[in-house]
PDB file of N, CA and C in Angstrom:
ATOM      1  N   MET A   1     -14.803 -27.237  20.950  1.00  0.00           N
ATOM      2  CA  MET A   1     -13.733 -26.259  20.849  1.00  0.00           C
ATOM      3  C   MET A   1     -14.004 -25.171  21.892  1.00  0.00           C
ATOM      4  N   ASP A   2     -13.070 -25.009  22.789  1.00  0.00           N
ATOM      5  CA  ASP A   2     -13.248 -24.001  23.825  1.00  0.00           C
ATOM      6  C   ASP A   2     -12.633 -22.663  23.403  1.00  0.00           C
ATOM      7  N   TYR A   3     -12.757 -21.678  24.249  1.00  0.00           N
ATOM      8  CA  TYR A   3     -12.324 -20.317  23.945  1.00  0.00           C
ATOM      9  C   TYR A   3     -10.808 -20.232  23.737  1.00  0.00           C
ATOM     10  N   GLY A   4     -10.040 -20.977  24.502  1.00  0.00           N
ATOM     11  CA  GLY A   4      -8.581 -20.959  24.386  1.00  0.00           C
ATOM     12  C   GLY A   4      -8.110 -21.477  23.043  1.00  0.00           C
ATOM     13  N   THR A   5      -8.748 -22.522  22.542  1.00  0.00           N
ATOM     14  CA  THR A   5      -8.400 -23.071  21.227  1.00  0.00           C
ATOM     15  C   THR A   5      -8.743 -22.068  20.134  1.00  0.00           C
ATOM     16  N   PHE A   6      -9.896 -21.449  20.248  1.00  0.00           N
ATOM     17  CA  PHE A   6     -10.306 -20.436  19.271  1.00  0.00           C
ATOM     18  C   PHE A   6      -9.321 -19.272  19.256  1.00  0.00           C
ATOM     19  N   GLN A   7      -8.888 -18.844  20.440  1.00  0.00           N
ATOM     20  CA  GLN A   7      -7.916 -17.756  20.538  1.00  0.00           C
ATOM     21  C   GLN A   7      -6.588 -18.149  19.896  1.00  0.00           C
ATOM     22  N   GLY A   8      -6.157 -19.367  20.093  1.00  0.00           N
ATOM     23  CA  GLY A   8      -4.905 -19.837  19.502  1.00  0.00           C
ATOM     24  C   GLY A   8      -4.975 -19.872  17.987  1.00  0.00           C
ATOM     25  N   ILE A   9      -6.079 -20.373  17.441  1.00  0.00           N
ATOM     26  CA  ILE A   9      -6.253 -20.425  15.988  1.00  0.00           C
ATOM     27  C   ILE A   9      -6.301 -19.019  15.403  1.00  0.00           C
ATOM     28  N   LEU A  10      -7.008 -18.125  16.065  1.00  0.00           N
ATOM     29  CA  LEU A  10      -7.095 -16.745  15.595  1.00  0.00           C
ATOM     30  C   LEU A  10      -5.728 -16.062  15.631  1.00  0.00           C
ATOM     31  N   THR A  11      -4.940 -16.343  16.657  1.00  0.00           N
ATOM     32  CA  THR A  11      -3.596 -15.774  16.753  1.00  0.00           C
ATOM     33  C   THR A  11      -2.726 -16.247  15.597  1.00  0.00           C
ATOM     34  N   ILE A  12      -2.797 -17.505  15.250  1.00  0.00           N
ATOM     35  CA  ILE A  12      -2.016 -18.054  14.138  1.00  0.00           C
ATOM     36  C   ILE A  12      -2.459 -17.428  12.814  1.00  0.00           C
ATOM     37  N   ILE A  13      -3.751 -17.261  12.619  1.00  0.00           N
ATOM     38  CA  ILE A  13      -4.255 -16.655  11.375  1.00  0.00           C
ATOM     39  C   ILE A  13      -3.765 -15.217  11.251  1.00  0.00           C
ATOM     40  N   VAL A  14      -3.831 -14.451  12.335  1.00  0.00           N
ATOM     41  CA  VAL A  14      -3.377 -13.059  12.311  1.00  0.00           C
ATOM     42  C   VAL A  14      -1.869 -12.998  12.067  1.00  0.00           C
ATOM     43  N   MET A  15      -1.105 -13.893  12.672  1.00  0.00           N
ATOM     44  CA  MET A  15       0.343 -13.913  12.493  1.00  0.00           C
ATOM     45  C   MET A  15       0.718 -14.242  11.042  1.00  0.00           C
ATOM     46  N   VAL A  16       0.052 -15.225  10.453  1.00  0.00           N
ATOM     47  CA  VAL A  16       0.325 -15.588   9.063  1.00  0.00           C
ATOM     48  C   VAL A  16      -0.052 -14.440   8.130  1.00  0.00           C
ATOM     49  N   THR A  17      -1.153 -13.769   8.409  1.00  0.00           N
ATOM     50  CA  THR A  17      -1.556 -12.615   7.600  1.00  0.00           C
ATOM     51  C   THR A  17      -0.523 -11.503   7.703  1.00  0.00           C
ATOM     52  N   PHE A  18      -0.040 -11.215   8.897  1.00  0.00           N
ATOM     53  CA  PHE A  18       0.973 -10.185   9.084  1.00  0.00           C
ATOM     54  C   PHE A  18       2.252 -10.523   8.337  1.00  0.00           C
ATOM     55  N   ILE A  19       2.700 -11.754   8.426  1.00  0.00           N
ATOM     56  CA  ILE A  19       3.920 -12.165   7.722  1.00  0.00           C
ATOM     57  C   ILE A  19       3.723 -12.066   6.214  1.00  0.00           C
ATOM     58  N   GLY A  20       2.541 -12.410   5.718  1.00  0.00           N
ATOM     59  CA  GLY A  20       2.257 -12.291   4.290  1.00  0.00           C
ATOM     60  C   GLY A  20       2.290 -10.854   3.816  1.00  0.00           C
ATOM     61  N   ILE A  21       1.697  -9.943   4.562  1.00  0.00           N
ATOM     62  CA  ILE A  21       1.715  -8.522   4.192  1.00  0.00           C
ATOM     63  C   ILE A  21       3.139  -7.981   4.271  1.00  0.00           C
ATOM     64  N   PHE A  22       3.884  -8.365   5.278  1.00  0.00           N
ATOM     65  CA  PHE A  22       5.269  -7.938   5.421  1.00  0.00           C
ATOM     66  C   PHE A  22       6.105  -8.421   4.241  1.00  0.00           C
ATOM     67  N   TYR A  23       5.955  -9.670   3.870  1.00  0.00           N
ATOM     68  CA  TYR A  23       6.688 -10.225   2.723  1.00  0.00           C
ATOM     69  C   TYR A  23       6.312  -9.492   1.439  1.00  0.00           C
ATOM     70  N   TRP A  24       5.023  -9.246   1.236  1.00  0.00           N
ATOM     71  CA  TRP A  24       4.559  -8.546   0.032  1.00  0.00           C
ATOM     72  C   TRP A  24       5.132  -7.135  -0.033  1.00  0.00           C
ATOM     73  N   ALA A  25       5.146  -6.428   1.084  1.00  0.00           N
ATOM     74  CA  ALA A  25       5.610  -5.047   1.099  1.00  0.00           C
ATOM     75  C   ALA A  25       7.109  -4.939   0.848  1.00  0.00           C
ATOM     76  N   TYR A  26       7.883  -5.896   1.291  1.00  0.00           N
ATOM     77  CA  TYR A  26       9.335  -5.816   1.159  1.00  0.00           C
ATOM     78  C   TYR A  26       9.902  -6.738   0.093  1.00  0.00           C
ATOM     79  N   SER A  27       9.051  -7.357  -0.730  1.00  0.00           N
ATOM     80  CA  SER A  27       9.574  -8.213  -1.787  1.00  0.00           C
ATOM     81  C   SER A  27      10.136  -7.370  -2.923  1.00  0.00           C
ATOM     82  N   SER A  28      11.110  -7.909  -3.607  1.00  0.00           N
ATOM     83  CA  SER A  28      11.760  -7.153  -4.675  1.00  0.00           C
ATOM     84  C   SER A  28      10.844  -6.976  -5.890  1.00  0.00           C
ATOM     85  N   ARG A  29       9.866  -7.842  -6.050  1.00  0.00           N
ATOM     86  CA  ARG A  29       8.928  -7.699  -7.175  1.00  0.00           C
ATOM     87  C   ARG A  29       8.053  -6.457  -7.013  1.00  0.00           C
ATOM     88  N   SER A  30       7.747  -6.069  -5.802  1.00  0.00           N
ATOM     89  CA  SER A  30       6.868  -4.918  -5.558  1.00  0.00           C
ATOM     90  C   SER A  30       7.615  -3.597  -5.556  1.00  0.00           C
ATOM     91  N   LYS A  31       8.938  -3.627  -5.494  1.00  0.00           N
ATOM     92  CA  LYS A  31       9.720  -2.396  -5.371  1.00  0.00           C
ATOM     93  C   LYS A  31       9.473  -1.445  -6.536  1.00  0.00           C
ATOM     94  N   ALA A  32       9.446  -1.938  -7.742  1.00  0.00           N
ATOM     95  CA  ALA A  32       9.244  -1.072  -8.909  1.00  0.00           C
ATOM     96  C   ALA A  32       7.874  -0.394  -8.859  1.00  0.00           C
ATOM     97  N   LYS A  33       6.860  -1.144  -8.486  1.00  0.00           N
ATOM     98  CA  LYS A  33       5.513  -0.563  -8.397  1.00  0.00           C
ATOM     99  C   LYS A  33       5.440   0.509  -7.311  1.00  0.00           C
ATOM    100  N   PHE A  34       6.068   0.247  -6.180  1.00  0.00           N
ATOM    101  CA  PHE A  34       6.045   1.207  -5.080  1.00  0.00           C
ATOM    102  C   PHE A  34       6.841   2.458  -5.428  1.00  0.00           C
ATOM    103  N   ASP A  35       7.969   2.292  -6.117  1.00  0.00           N
ATOM    104  CA  ASP A  35       8.755   3.461  -6.530  1.00  0.00           C
ATOM    105  C   ASP A  35       7.966   4.319  -7.508  1.00  0.00           C
ATOM    106  N   GLU A  36       7.267   3.679  -8.424  1.00  0.00           N
ATOM    107  CA  GLU A  36       6.445   4.417  -9.382  1.00  0.00           C
ATOM    108  C   GLU A  36       5.316   5.162  -8.663  1.00  0.00           C
ATOM    109  N   ALA A  37       4.673   4.506  -7.733  1.00  0.00           N
ATOM    110  CA  ALA A  37       3.577   5.137  -6.990  1.00  0.00           C
ATOM    111  C   ALA A  37       4.095   6.308  -6.141  1.00  0.00           C
ATOM    112  N   ALA A  38       5.296   6.175  -5.602  1.00  0.00           N
ATOM    113  CA  ALA A  38       5.855   7.242  -4.782  1.00  0.00           C
ATOM    114  C   ALA A  38       6.175   8.481  -5.609  1.00  0.00           C
ATOM    115  N   ASN A  39       6.485   8.304  -6.879  1.00  0.00           N
ATOM    116  CA  ASN A  39       6.859   9.433  -7.732  1.00  0.00           C
ATOM    117  C   ASN A  39       5.685  10.006  -8.521  1.00  0.00           C
ATOM    118  N   LEU A  40       4.502   9.493  -8.347  1.00  0.00           N
ATOM    119  CA  LEU A  40       3.343  10.020  -9.055  1.00  0.00           C
ATOM    120  C   LEU A  40       3.075  11.483  -8.707  1.00  0.00           C
ATOM    121  N   VAL A  41       3.439  11.876  -7.536  1.00  0.00           N
ATOM    122  CA  VAL A  41       3.203  13.243  -7.095  1.00  0.00           C
ATOM    123  C   VAL A  41       3.992  14.235  -7.942  1.00  0.00           C
ATOM    124  N   PHE A  42       5.106  13.806  -8.462  1.00  0.00           N
ATOM    125  CA  PHE A  42       6.019  14.708  -9.151  1.00  0.00           C
ATOM    126  C   PHE A  42       5.860  14.723 -10.672  1.00  0.00           C
ATOM    127  N   THR A  43       4.887  14.039 -11.203  1.00  0.00           N
ATOM    128  CA  THR A  43       4.731  14.004 -12.655  1.00  0.00           C
ATOM    129  C   THR A  43       4.171  15.321 -13.159  1.00  0.00           C
ATOM    130  N   GLU A  44       4.550  15.693 -14.349  1.00  0.00           N
ATOM    131  CA  GLU A  44       4.101  16.956 -14.929  1.00  0.00           C
ATOM    132  C   GLU A  44       2.619  16.927 -15.275  1.00  0.00           C
ATOM    133  N   GLU A  45       2.103  15.770 -15.630  1.00  0.00           N
ATOM    134  CA  GLU A  45       0.682  15.665 -15.950  1.00  0.00           C
ATOM    135  C   GLU A  45      -0.166  16.017 -14.738  1.00  0.00           C
ATOM    136  N   GLU A  46       0.264  15.581 -13.606  1.00  0.00           N
ATOM    137  CA  GLU A  46      -0.460  15.839 -12.367  1.00  0.00           C
ATOM    138  C   GLU A  46      -0.462  17.345 -12.070  1.00  0.00           C
ATOM    139  N   ILE A  47       0.666  17.996 -12.281  1.00  0.00           N
ATOM    140  CA  ILE A  47       0.775  19.430 -12.021  1.00  0.00           C
ATOM    141  C   ILE A  47      -0.090  20.212 -13.014  1.00  0.00           C
ATOM    142  N   ALA A  48      -0.080  19.797 -14.294  1.00  0.00           N
ATOM    143  CA  ALA A  48      -0.874  20.480 -15.302  1.00  0.00           C
ATOM    144  C   ALA A  48      -2.362  20.341 -15.003  1.00  0.00           C
ATOM    145  N   ASP A  49      -2.795  19.179 -14.590  1.00  0.00           N
ATOM    146  CA  ASP A  49      -4.197  18.970 -14.250  1.00  0.00           C
ATOM    147  C   ASP A  49      -4.605  19.817 -13.045  1.00  0.00           C
ATOM    148  N   MET A  50      -3.711  19.954 -12.097  1.00  0.00           N
ATOM    149  CA  MET A  50      -4.034  20.721 -10.897  1.00  0.00           C
ATOM    150  C   MET A  50      -4.159  22.208 -11.239  1.00  0.00           C
ATOM    151  N   SER A  51      -3.323  22.711 -12.142  1.00  0.00           N
ATOM    152  CA  SER A  51      -3.404  24.128 -12.476  1.00  0.00           C
ATOM    153  C   SER A  51      -4.667  24.428 -13.285  1.00  0.00           C
ATOM    154  N   LYS A  52      -5.143  23.476 -14.059  1.00  0.00           N
ATOM    155  CA  LYS A  52      -6.401  23.664 -14.798  1.00  0.00           C
ATOM    156  C   LYS A  52      -7.580  23.721 -13.838  1.00  0.00           C
ATOM    157  N   ASP A  53      -7.552  22.866 -12.844  1.00  0.00           N
ATOM    158  CA  ASP A  53      -8.668  22.792 -11.890  1.00  0.00           C
ATOM    159  C   ASP A  53      -8.717  24.000 -10.953  1.00  0.00           C
ATOM    160  N   SER A  54      -7.580  24.634 -10.719  1.00  0.00           N
ATOM    161  CA  SER A  54      -7.577  25.735  -9.766  1.00  0.00           C
ATOM    162  C   SER A  54      -8.015  27.053 -10.382  1.00  0.00           C
ATOM    163  N   GLY A  55      -8.153  27.103 -11.706  1.00  0.00           N
ATOM    164  CA  GLY A  55      -8.649  28.303 -12.354  1.00  0.00           C
ATOM    165  C   GLY A  55      -7.555  29.303 -12.713  1.00  0.00           C
ATOM    166  N   GLU A  56      -6.310  28.923 -12.577  1.00  0.00           N
ATOM    167  CA  GLU A  56      -5.222  29.816 -12.934  1.00  0.00           C
ATOM    168  C   GLU A  56      -5.134  29.972 -14.440  1.00  0.00           C
ATOM    169  N   LYS A  57      -4.815  31.173 -14.879  1.00  0.00           N
ATOM    170  CA  LYS A  57      -4.648  31.431 -16.305  1.00  0.00           C
ATOM    171  C   LYS A  57      -3.186  31.739 -16.568  1.00  0.00           C
ATOM    172  N   LYS A  58      -2.704  31.199 -17.673  1.00  0.00           N
ATOM    173  CA  LYS A  58      -1.297  31.414 -18.016  1.00  0.00           C
ATOM    174  C   LYS A  58      -1.162  32.522 -19.012  1.00  0.00           C
TER     175      LYS A  58
END
């Protein structure tokens, strides 16, 4: 196996990996999980925990 063959095989592996990640990221099954993760910043529990850690008194 020469260098050109190795390069070709590696290119195919990288391309298949990229297509797999692209499919996973844009599949409809993952949309709900991604939407939930995107809104974690806005949850009240997160805000309450942050105010406790910062030392603020109410």
